[in-house]
Every structure is written in structure tokens, then in C-alpha cells.
N, C-alpha and C. Protein backbone atom coordinates (compact mmCIF):
# COMPACT_ATOMS: atom_id res chain seq x y z
N MET A 1 -46.07 -41.37 22.11
CA MET A 1 -45.22 -40.36 22.73
C MET A 1 -43.98 -41.07 23.27
N TYR A 2 -42.83 -40.50 22.99
CA TYR A 2 -41.58 -41.09 23.45
C TYR A 2 -41.24 -40.56 24.83
N SER A 3 -40.37 -41.26 25.51
CA SER A 3 -40.03 -40.88 26.87
C SER A 3 -38.76 -40.02 26.87
N VAL A 4 -38.83 -38.92 27.54
CA VAL A 4 -37.71 -37.98 27.59
C VAL A 4 -36.92 -38.15 28.88
N ARG A 5 -37.49 -38.75 29.89
CA ARG A 5 -36.83 -38.86 31.19
C ARG A 5 -35.48 -39.57 31.13
N PRO A 6 -35.33 -40.69 30.40
CA PRO A 6 -33.99 -41.30 30.36
C PRO A 6 -32.94 -40.34 29.78
N LEU A 7 -33.35 -39.54 28.79
CA LEU A 7 -32.43 -38.58 28.20
C LEU A 7 -32.02 -37.52 29.23
N ILE A 8 -32.96 -37.07 30.02
CA ILE A 8 -32.66 -36.08 31.06
C ILE A 8 -31.69 -36.66 32.07
N LEU A 9 -31.94 -37.88 32.49
CA LEU A 9 -31.06 -38.51 33.48
C LEU A 9 -29.65 -38.69 32.92
N VAL A 10 -29.53 -39.04 31.65
CA VAL A 10 -28.21 -39.19 31.04
C VAL A 10 -27.49 -37.84 31.01
N ALA A 11 -28.23 -36.78 30.68
CA ALA A 11 -27.63 -35.44 30.61
C ALA A 11 -27.14 -35.01 31.99
N PHE A 12 -27.96 -35.21 33.02
CA PHE A 12 -27.54 -34.84 34.36
C PHE A 12 -26.40 -35.71 34.84
N GLY A 13 -26.41 -36.96 34.47
CA GLY A 13 -25.32 -37.85 34.86
C GLY A 13 -24.00 -37.43 34.24
N ALA A 14 -24.05 -36.98 33.00
CA ALA A 14 -22.82 -36.53 32.34
C ALA A 14 -22.31 -35.24 32.96
N LEU A 15 -23.22 -34.39 33.41
CA LEU A 15 -22.82 -33.12 33.99
C LEU A 15 -22.24 -33.27 35.38
N THR A 16 -22.71 -34.26 36.12
CA THR A 16 -22.27 -34.41 37.50
C THR A 16 -21.18 -35.45 37.65
N GLY A 17 -20.66 -35.97 36.56
CA GLY A 17 -19.61 -36.98 36.61
C GLY A 17 -18.33 -36.43 37.19
N ALA A 18 -17.40 -37.31 37.48
CA ALA A 18 -16.13 -36.92 38.08
C ALA A 18 -15.36 -36.02 37.13
N GLY A 19 -14.86 -34.92 37.64
CA GLY A 19 -14.04 -34.02 36.84
C GLY A 19 -14.83 -33.15 35.88
N ALA A 20 -16.16 -33.19 35.96
CA ALA A 20 -16.97 -32.40 35.04
C ALA A 20 -16.92 -30.93 35.45
N ILE A 21 -17.04 -30.07 34.48
CA ILE A 21 -17.08 -28.64 34.74
C ILE A 21 -18.48 -28.31 35.24
N PRO A 22 -18.61 -27.58 36.33
CA PRO A 22 -19.93 -27.26 36.84
C PRO A 22 -20.72 -26.43 35.82
N SER A 23 -21.96 -26.78 35.62
CA SER A 23 -22.81 -26.08 34.67
C SER A 23 -24.17 -25.83 35.30
N LEU A 24 -24.89 -24.92 34.71
CA LEU A 24 -26.25 -24.65 35.15
C LEU A 24 -27.19 -25.35 34.17
N ALA A 25 -28.16 -26.09 34.71
CA ALA A 25 -29.12 -26.79 33.87
C ALA A 25 -30.52 -26.37 34.28
N GLN A 26 -31.39 -26.29 33.28
CA GLN A 26 -32.77 -25.92 33.53
C GLN A 26 -33.65 -26.80 32.65
N VAL A 27 -34.73 -27.33 33.24
CA VAL A 27 -35.66 -28.15 32.49
C VAL A 27 -36.84 -27.27 32.10
N THR A 28 -37.17 -27.26 30.82
CA THR A 28 -38.31 -26.50 30.33
C THR A 28 -39.36 -27.47 29.83
N GLU A 29 -40.57 -27.34 30.37
CA GLU A 29 -41.67 -28.20 29.94
C GLU A 29 -42.70 -27.32 29.23
N ILE A 30 -43.09 -27.73 28.03
CA ILE A 30 -44.06 -27.00 27.24
C ILE A 30 -45.36 -27.81 27.25
N TYR A 31 -46.45 -27.11 27.59
CA TYR A 31 -47.77 -27.75 27.67
C TYR A 31 -48.69 -27.15 26.61
N LYS A 32 -49.57 -27.99 26.08
CA LYS A 32 -50.62 -27.52 25.18
C LYS A 32 -51.91 -27.57 25.99
N CYS A 33 -52.50 -26.41 26.19
CA CYS A 33 -53.72 -26.31 26.98
C CYS A 33 -54.87 -25.88 26.08
N THR A 34 -56.04 -26.38 26.40
CA THR A 34 -57.24 -26.01 25.65
C THR A 34 -58.19 -25.33 26.61
N ASP A 35 -58.63 -24.12 26.24
CA ASP A 35 -59.55 -23.41 27.13
C ASP A 35 -60.99 -23.84 26.86
N LYS A 36 -61.94 -23.27 27.55
CA LYS A 36 -63.34 -23.66 27.44
C LYS A 36 -63.89 -23.42 26.04
N GLY A 37 -63.34 -22.45 25.30
CA GLY A 37 -63.78 -22.16 23.93
C GLY A 37 -63.13 -23.08 22.90
N GLY A 38 -62.21 -23.97 23.32
CA GLY A 38 -61.55 -24.90 22.41
C GLY A 38 -60.30 -24.35 21.74
N ARG A 39 -59.87 -23.17 22.13
CA ARG A 39 -58.67 -22.58 21.54
C ARG A 39 -57.42 -23.12 22.24
N PRO A 40 -56.39 -23.49 21.44
CA PRO A 40 -55.17 -24.02 22.05
C PRO A 40 -54.26 -22.89 22.55
N LEU A 41 -53.52 -23.19 23.60
CA LEU A 41 -52.54 -22.27 24.15
C LEU A 41 -51.31 -23.10 24.52
N TYR A 42 -50.16 -22.71 24.02
CA TYR A 42 -48.91 -23.38 24.37
C TYR A 42 -48.21 -22.53 25.42
N THR A 43 -47.83 -23.14 26.54
CA THR A 43 -47.24 -22.39 27.63
C THR A 43 -46.26 -23.24 28.43
N SER A 44 -45.38 -22.55 29.12
CA SER A 44 -44.50 -23.23 30.07
C SER A 44 -44.74 -22.68 31.46
N ASP A 45 -45.71 -21.78 31.59
CA ASP A 45 -46.02 -21.15 32.87
C ASP A 45 -47.18 -21.90 33.53
N LYS A 46 -46.97 -22.33 34.76
CA LYS A 46 -47.98 -23.10 35.50
C LYS A 46 -49.23 -22.25 35.77
N LYS A 47 -49.05 -20.94 35.87
CA LYS A 47 -50.20 -20.07 36.15
C LYS A 47 -51.20 -20.06 34.99
N ASP A 48 -50.70 -20.20 33.76
CA ASP A 48 -51.58 -20.21 32.59
C ASP A 48 -52.37 -21.51 32.47
N MET A 49 -52.02 -22.53 33.24
CA MET A 49 -52.65 -23.83 33.11
C MET A 49 -53.89 -23.98 34.01
N ASP A 50 -54.12 -23.04 34.92
CA ASP A 50 -55.24 -23.15 35.85
C ASP A 50 -56.58 -23.15 35.11
N GLY A 51 -57.40 -24.18 35.39
CA GLY A 51 -58.74 -24.28 34.84
C GLY A 51 -58.78 -24.69 33.39
N LYS A 52 -57.69 -25.23 32.86
CA LYS A 52 -57.64 -25.64 31.46
C LYS A 52 -57.19 -27.09 31.38
N LYS A 53 -57.57 -27.72 30.29
CA LYS A 53 -57.16 -29.11 30.05
C LYS A 53 -55.79 -29.03 29.36
N CYS A 54 -54.73 -29.58 30.02
CA CYS A 54 -53.37 -29.45 29.50
C CYS A 54 -52.71 -30.81 29.38
N GLU A 55 -51.85 -30.92 28.38
CA GLU A 55 -51.04 -32.12 28.23
C GLU A 55 -49.62 -31.71 27.87
N LEU A 56 -48.65 -32.49 28.35
CA LEU A 56 -47.24 -32.22 28.12
C LEU A 56 -46.90 -32.46 26.65
N VAL A 57 -46.30 -31.47 26.00
CA VAL A 57 -45.93 -31.59 24.60
C VAL A 57 -44.43 -31.83 24.46
N SER A 58 -43.64 -31.14 25.25
CA SER A 58 -42.19 -31.22 25.08
C SER A 58 -41.50 -30.94 26.41
N ARG A 59 -40.38 -31.58 26.61
CA ARG A 59 -39.55 -31.34 27.79
C ARG A 59 -38.12 -31.21 27.28
N GLU A 60 -37.49 -30.09 27.59
CA GLU A 60 -36.12 -29.83 27.12
C GLU A 60 -35.23 -29.54 28.30
N VAL A 61 -33.98 -29.95 28.19
CA VAL A 61 -32.98 -29.61 29.18
C VAL A 61 -32.06 -28.57 28.56
N ASN A 62 -32.04 -27.40 29.15
CA ASN A 62 -31.17 -26.33 28.68
C ASN A 62 -29.95 -26.28 29.59
N VAL A 63 -28.79 -26.41 29.03
CA VAL A 63 -27.55 -26.41 29.80
C VAL A 63 -26.72 -25.21 29.39
N VAL A 64 -26.32 -24.44 30.38
CA VAL A 64 -25.45 -23.30 30.14
C VAL A 64 -24.05 -23.72 30.56
N PRO A 65 -23.10 -23.75 29.63
CA PRO A 65 -21.76 -24.18 30.01
C PRO A 65 -21.12 -23.17 30.95
N ALA A 66 -20.33 -23.67 31.86
CA ALA A 66 -19.62 -22.81 32.80
C ALA A 66 -18.56 -22.01 32.06
N GLN A 67 -18.31 -20.82 32.55
CA GLN A 67 -17.28 -20.00 31.93
C GLN A 67 -15.91 -20.53 32.31
N LYS A 68 -14.98 -20.39 31.38
CA LYS A 68 -13.62 -20.84 31.65
C LYS A 68 -13.00 -19.93 32.69
N PRO A 69 -12.27 -20.50 33.62
CA PRO A 69 -11.64 -19.66 34.64
C PRO A 69 -10.53 -18.81 34.02
N LEU A 70 -10.31 -17.66 34.61
CA LEU A 70 -9.24 -16.79 34.14
C LEU A 70 -7.89 -17.43 34.46
N PRO A 71 -6.90 -17.21 33.61
CA PRO A 71 -5.59 -17.78 33.91
C PRO A 71 -5.03 -17.16 35.18
N ALA A 72 -4.32 -17.96 35.91
CA ALA A 72 -3.73 -17.50 37.16
C ALA A 72 -2.62 -16.49 36.86
N PRO A 73 -2.49 -15.46 37.68
CA PRO A 73 -1.43 -14.49 37.44
C PRO A 73 -0.06 -15.14 37.60
N ARG A 74 0.87 -14.64 36.81
CA ARG A 74 2.22 -15.19 36.88
C ARG A 74 2.86 -14.84 38.21
N ALA A 75 3.77 -15.67 38.61
CA ALA A 75 4.50 -15.40 39.84
C ALA A 75 5.29 -14.11 39.64
N GLY A 76 5.16 -13.19 40.55
CA GLY A 76 5.88 -11.94 40.43
C GLY A 76 5.05 -10.86 39.76
N GLY A 77 3.84 -11.16 39.30
CA GLY A 77 2.98 -10.16 38.69
C GLY A 77 3.41 -9.78 37.29
N PHE A 78 3.10 -8.56 36.92
CA PHE A 78 3.41 -8.07 35.59
C PHE A 78 4.91 -7.82 35.47
N PRO A 79 5.41 -7.82 34.24
CA PRO A 79 6.83 -7.52 34.09
C PRO A 79 7.12 -6.10 34.59
N ARG A 80 8.17 -5.96 35.28
CA ARG A 80 8.54 -4.67 35.85
C ARG A 80 9.63 -4.03 35.00
N GLU A 81 9.59 -2.72 34.95
CA GLU A 81 10.59 -1.96 34.21
C GLU A 81 11.64 -1.50 35.21
N SER A 82 12.87 -1.79 34.90
CA SER A 82 13.94 -1.39 35.82
C SER A 82 14.17 0.11 35.69
N PRO A 83 14.74 0.73 36.70
CA PRO A 83 15.01 2.17 36.63
C PRO A 83 15.93 2.54 35.46
N SER A 84 16.88 1.68 35.13
CA SER A 84 17.76 1.99 34.01
C SER A 84 17.01 1.93 32.68
N ASP A 85 16.09 0.95 32.56
CA ASP A 85 15.26 0.87 31.35
C ASP A 85 14.37 2.11 31.23
N ARG A 86 13.81 2.53 32.35
CA ARG A 86 12.94 3.71 32.35
C ARG A 86 13.73 4.96 31.96
N ALA A 87 14.93 5.12 32.50
CA ALA A 87 15.76 6.28 32.19
C ALA A 87 16.15 6.27 30.70
N PHE A 88 16.48 5.09 30.18
CA PHE A 88 16.85 4.97 28.76
C PHE A 88 15.66 5.36 27.87
N ALA A 89 14.46 4.87 28.22
CA ALA A 89 13.26 5.17 27.43
C ALA A 89 12.95 6.66 27.48
N LYS A 90 13.09 7.28 28.66
CA LYS A 90 12.84 8.72 28.78
C LYS A 90 13.83 9.52 27.94
N GLY A 91 15.10 9.12 27.99
CA GLY A 91 16.13 9.81 27.21
C GLY A 91 15.87 9.68 25.71
N ARG A 92 15.48 8.49 25.30
CA ARG A 92 15.18 8.26 23.88
C ARG A 92 13.96 9.09 23.46
N GLN A 93 12.93 9.12 24.29
CA GLN A 93 11.74 9.91 23.98
C GLN A 93 12.10 11.39 23.87
N ARG A 94 12.93 11.86 24.79
CA ARG A 94 13.33 13.27 24.76
C ARG A 94 14.12 13.60 23.49
N SER A 95 15.01 12.71 23.10
CA SER A 95 15.81 12.98 21.89
C SER A 95 14.92 12.99 20.64
N ILE A 96 13.94 12.11 20.59
CA ILE A 96 13.01 12.09 19.45
C ILE A 96 12.21 13.39 19.41
N LEU A 97 11.71 13.83 20.57
CA LEU A 97 10.95 15.08 20.62
C LEU A 97 11.81 16.27 20.21
N GLU A 98 13.07 16.28 20.62
CA GLU A 98 13.97 17.38 20.24
C GLU A 98 14.25 17.37 18.74
N GLN A 99 14.37 16.19 18.15
CA GLN A 99 14.55 16.10 16.70
C GLN A 99 13.32 16.64 15.98
N GLU A 100 12.16 16.27 16.45
CA GLU A 100 10.92 16.76 15.84
C GLU A 100 10.80 18.28 15.99
N LEU A 101 11.22 18.79 17.15
CA LEU A 101 11.18 20.24 17.38
C LEU A 101 12.11 20.96 16.40
N THR A 102 13.30 20.43 16.20
CA THR A 102 14.24 21.03 15.25
C THR A 102 13.66 21.02 13.84
N THR A 103 13.04 19.92 13.45
CA THR A 103 12.42 19.81 12.13
C THR A 103 11.30 20.83 11.97
N GLU A 104 10.45 20.95 12.98
CA GLU A 104 9.33 21.89 12.93
C GLU A 104 9.82 23.33 12.87
N GLU A 105 10.89 23.64 13.61
CA GLU A 105 11.43 25.00 13.56
C GLU A 105 11.94 25.33 12.16
N GLY A 106 12.59 24.35 11.50
CA GLY A 106 13.04 24.56 10.13
C GLY A 106 11.87 24.76 9.18
N LEU A 107 10.82 23.97 9.35
CA LEU A 107 9.63 24.12 8.51
C LEU A 107 8.93 25.46 8.75
N LEU A 108 8.97 25.95 10.00
CA LEU A 108 8.38 27.26 10.30
C LEU A 108 9.14 28.37 9.57
N VAL A 109 10.47 28.29 9.56
CA VAL A 109 11.27 29.29 8.86
C VAL A 109 10.92 29.28 7.37
N GLN A 110 10.79 28.08 6.79
CA GLN A 110 10.43 27.98 5.37
C GLN A 110 9.04 28.55 5.10
N ALA A 111 8.10 28.27 6.00
CA ALA A 111 6.73 28.76 5.82
C ALA A 111 6.68 30.28 5.91
N LYS A 112 7.47 30.86 6.84
CA LYS A 112 7.50 32.32 6.96
C LYS A 112 8.12 32.95 5.72
N GLN A 113 9.16 32.31 5.17
CA GLN A 113 9.78 32.84 3.94
C GLN A 113 8.78 32.79 2.78
N ALA A 114 8.06 31.69 2.66
CA ALA A 114 7.07 31.57 1.58
C ALA A 114 5.98 32.62 1.74
N LEU A 115 5.54 32.88 2.97
CA LEU A 115 4.53 33.90 3.21
C LEU A 115 5.06 35.28 2.85
N ALA A 116 6.31 35.57 3.23
CA ALA A 116 6.90 36.87 2.91
C ALA A 116 7.02 37.06 1.40
N GLU A 117 7.40 36.00 0.69
CA GLU A 117 7.50 36.08 -0.77
C GLU A 117 6.14 36.36 -1.40
N GLN A 118 5.10 35.71 -0.88
CA GLN A 118 3.76 35.90 -1.43
C GLN A 118 3.21 37.29 -1.10
N GLU A 119 3.59 37.81 0.08
CA GLU A 119 3.13 39.15 0.44
C GLU A 119 3.78 40.21 -0.46
N ALA A 120 5.00 39.94 -0.94
CA ALA A 120 5.71 40.89 -1.79
C ALA A 120 5.15 40.91 -3.21
N ILE A 121 4.50 39.83 -3.61
CA ILE A 121 3.96 39.74 -4.97
C ILE A 121 2.62 40.45 -5.05
N ARG A 122 2.48 41.31 -6.08
CA ARG A 122 1.18 41.95 -6.31
C ARG A 122 0.77 41.65 -7.75
N ASN A 123 -0.33 40.94 -7.87
CA ASN A 123 -0.85 40.61 -9.19
C ASN A 123 -1.78 41.72 -9.65
N GLY A 124 -1.83 41.93 -10.94
CA GLY A 124 -2.67 42.99 -11.48
C GLY A 124 -4.16 42.70 -11.32
N ASP A 125 -4.53 41.45 -11.23
CA ASP A 125 -5.95 41.12 -11.12
C ASP A 125 -6.45 41.20 -9.68
N GLU A 126 -5.57 41.56 -8.73
CA GLU A 126 -5.96 41.61 -7.33
C GLU A 126 -6.16 43.06 -6.89
N ARG A 127 -7.04 43.77 -7.53
CA ARG A 127 -7.31 45.15 -7.15
C ARG A 127 -8.09 45.20 -5.84
N ASN A 128 -8.84 44.16 -5.61
CA ASN A 128 -9.60 44.06 -4.37
C ASN A 128 -8.70 43.40 -3.32
N TYR A 129 -8.57 44.03 -2.13
CA TYR A 129 -7.68 43.52 -1.10
C TYR A 129 -8.16 42.16 -0.57
N ALA A 130 -9.43 41.87 -0.67
CA ALA A 130 -9.97 40.59 -0.22
C ALA A 130 -9.35 39.44 -1.02
N ARG A 131 -9.10 39.67 -2.29
CA ARG A 131 -8.46 38.63 -3.10
C ARG A 131 -7.02 38.38 -2.66
N VAL A 132 -6.33 39.41 -2.27
CA VAL A 132 -4.96 39.27 -1.76
C VAL A 132 -4.98 38.42 -0.49
N LEU A 133 -5.90 38.76 0.42
CA LEU A 133 -6.02 37.99 1.66
C LEU A 133 -6.38 36.53 1.40
N GLU A 134 -7.24 36.33 0.42
CA GLU A 134 -7.64 34.96 0.06
C GLU A 134 -6.46 34.16 -0.47
N ARG A 135 -5.59 34.81 -1.25
CA ARG A 135 -4.41 34.14 -1.80
C ARG A 135 -3.38 33.85 -0.71
N LEU A 136 -3.27 34.74 0.27
CA LEU A 136 -2.26 34.60 1.33
C LEU A 136 -2.71 33.65 2.46
N GLN A 137 -4.01 33.38 2.57
CA GLN A 137 -4.54 32.61 3.69
C GLN A 137 -3.89 31.22 3.84
N PRO A 138 -3.70 30.43 2.76
CA PRO A 138 -3.04 29.12 2.95
C PRO A 138 -1.63 29.24 3.52
N TYR A 139 -0.91 30.30 3.17
CA TYR A 139 0.44 30.50 3.69
C TYR A 139 0.41 30.86 5.16
N LYS A 140 -0.56 31.70 5.55
CA LYS A 140 -0.73 32.06 6.96
C LYS A 140 -1.13 30.83 7.78
N ASP A 141 -2.01 30.00 7.22
CA ASP A 141 -2.44 28.77 7.91
C ASP A 141 -1.26 27.83 8.14
N ASN A 142 -0.37 27.75 7.14
CA ASN A 142 0.81 26.89 7.25
C ASN A 142 1.74 27.38 8.36
N VAL A 143 1.93 28.71 8.45
CA VAL A 143 2.75 29.29 9.52
C VAL A 143 2.12 28.98 10.88
N ASP A 144 0.80 29.18 11.00
CA ASP A 144 0.10 28.90 12.26
C ASP A 144 0.23 27.43 12.66
N LEU A 145 0.13 26.55 11.69
CA LEU A 145 0.23 25.12 11.97
C LEU A 145 1.59 24.78 12.57
N HIS A 146 2.66 25.28 11.98
CA HIS A 146 4.00 24.98 12.48
C HIS A 146 4.25 25.62 13.84
N GLN A 147 3.69 26.80 14.08
CA GLN A 147 3.82 27.43 15.39
C GLN A 147 3.12 26.61 16.47
N LYS A 148 1.93 26.11 16.16
CA LYS A 148 1.20 25.28 17.12
C LYS A 148 1.94 23.96 17.38
N ASN A 149 2.52 23.38 16.33
CA ASN A 149 3.28 22.14 16.51
C ASN A 149 4.48 22.38 17.42
N ILE A 150 5.16 23.52 17.23
CA ILE A 150 6.32 23.84 18.06
C ILE A 150 5.90 24.02 19.52
N GLU A 151 4.80 24.71 19.75
CA GLU A 151 4.30 24.89 21.12
C GLU A 151 3.97 23.54 21.76
N ALA A 152 3.33 22.66 21.01
CA ALA A 152 2.96 21.34 21.55
C ALA A 152 4.20 20.51 21.85
N LEU A 153 5.20 20.57 20.99
CA LEU A 153 6.43 19.81 21.23
C LEU A 153 7.18 20.34 22.46
N LYS A 154 7.23 21.66 22.61
CA LYS A 154 7.90 22.24 23.79
C LYS A 154 7.16 21.84 25.06
N ARG A 155 5.83 21.83 25.01
CA ARG A 155 5.03 21.41 26.16
C ARG A 155 5.31 19.94 26.49
N GLU A 156 5.40 19.10 25.46
CA GLU A 156 5.66 17.66 25.67
C GLU A 156 7.06 17.45 26.22
N ILE A 157 8.03 18.20 25.76
CA ILE A 157 9.40 18.08 26.30
C ILE A 157 9.41 18.50 27.75
N GLY A 158 8.67 19.56 28.08
CA GLY A 158 8.58 20.00 29.47
C GLY A 158 7.92 18.95 30.36
N ASN A 159 6.91 18.27 29.83
CA ASN A 159 6.23 17.22 30.60
C ASN A 159 7.10 15.99 30.79
N SER A 160 7.96 15.70 29.82
CA SER A 160 8.78 14.48 29.90
C SER A 160 9.92 14.64 30.89
N SER A 161 10.26 15.87 31.26
CA SER A 161 11.38 16.06 32.20
C SER A 161 10.95 15.87 33.64
N ARG A 162 9.67 15.68 33.87
CA ARG A 162 9.18 15.48 35.26
C ARG A 162 9.51 14.13 35.78
């Protein structure tokens, strides 16, 4: 059997040396115990060794490295936004939203025209009104989509002016 103690002492010496990062170390000892029936039991718990013939099989040093410290905050904290930068960003955001609103309003006009054109068309195979509604539904959905987009953009423009 080889000796593990010098290895343990070297490990602890390296951990406690000057300038070393603090770490947590734990020694685990594994014992092979034989009960009265001759069955082997491997354990590291001292309670399991009571009344049994045990011998040390292995001794390990488990070292958990210390976590790296968080970087120190910069002097002055986080970068600050000046009032002029904030006003410029708000103005730019508002202009972008207004451009999108103008585009959506144009698309809504086109969608309404397409729906009106489709409503004016009557195909001979559409004797059942359900088929007419089925054909017109994608056009109605397109109009609804653009109306909802316009409402959302107006709401966002209203929120950005606060």
C-alpha cells in the first residue's frame, strides 16, 4: 500500500501558499468493511463501520476552486445618456413610427380597394353565398390586419410622447 499523506500535504501546501486563491478542500476516505456474514461493504460513512472489520482503501482530496471575483464597477457607473441624446433618440423613434403609420395607412387603402373589387365580382359558380364569403375572407383579414397595425402604431406614438 502506498502512502497518500505526503500527497495530501503537498496539495494543502500549494493551496495555502502566498498569493493562492482561497479554495475549499475536502478529504474523502473510502473503507472496505466486512460484516459478520463475510460480505464486503465500501463506505465513507463512519456510522456504517460500527461493529465491522474495516480497512482504508483510498483517500482522496477534493478541491473546489474558488469562484473568480466579479469585475469592479467602472468609476462613474454605467454610461449615462445625456438629455440631448435622449431627445434625439425619441425624435428619431417618433419619425420612424410616423413613417410606418403612413405606410400602413397606404396599405389599408389598397386592401380596402382590393376587397371592394372582389365584392363587385360575381362568379357563376358561386350560387351559394357561403362560397362568396369564403372567397372574400382573405381580403377582409388583410383589411383587419392593417387596421390593427394602424391602431398599434397610433398607440405607440401616443406612448412615446410621454
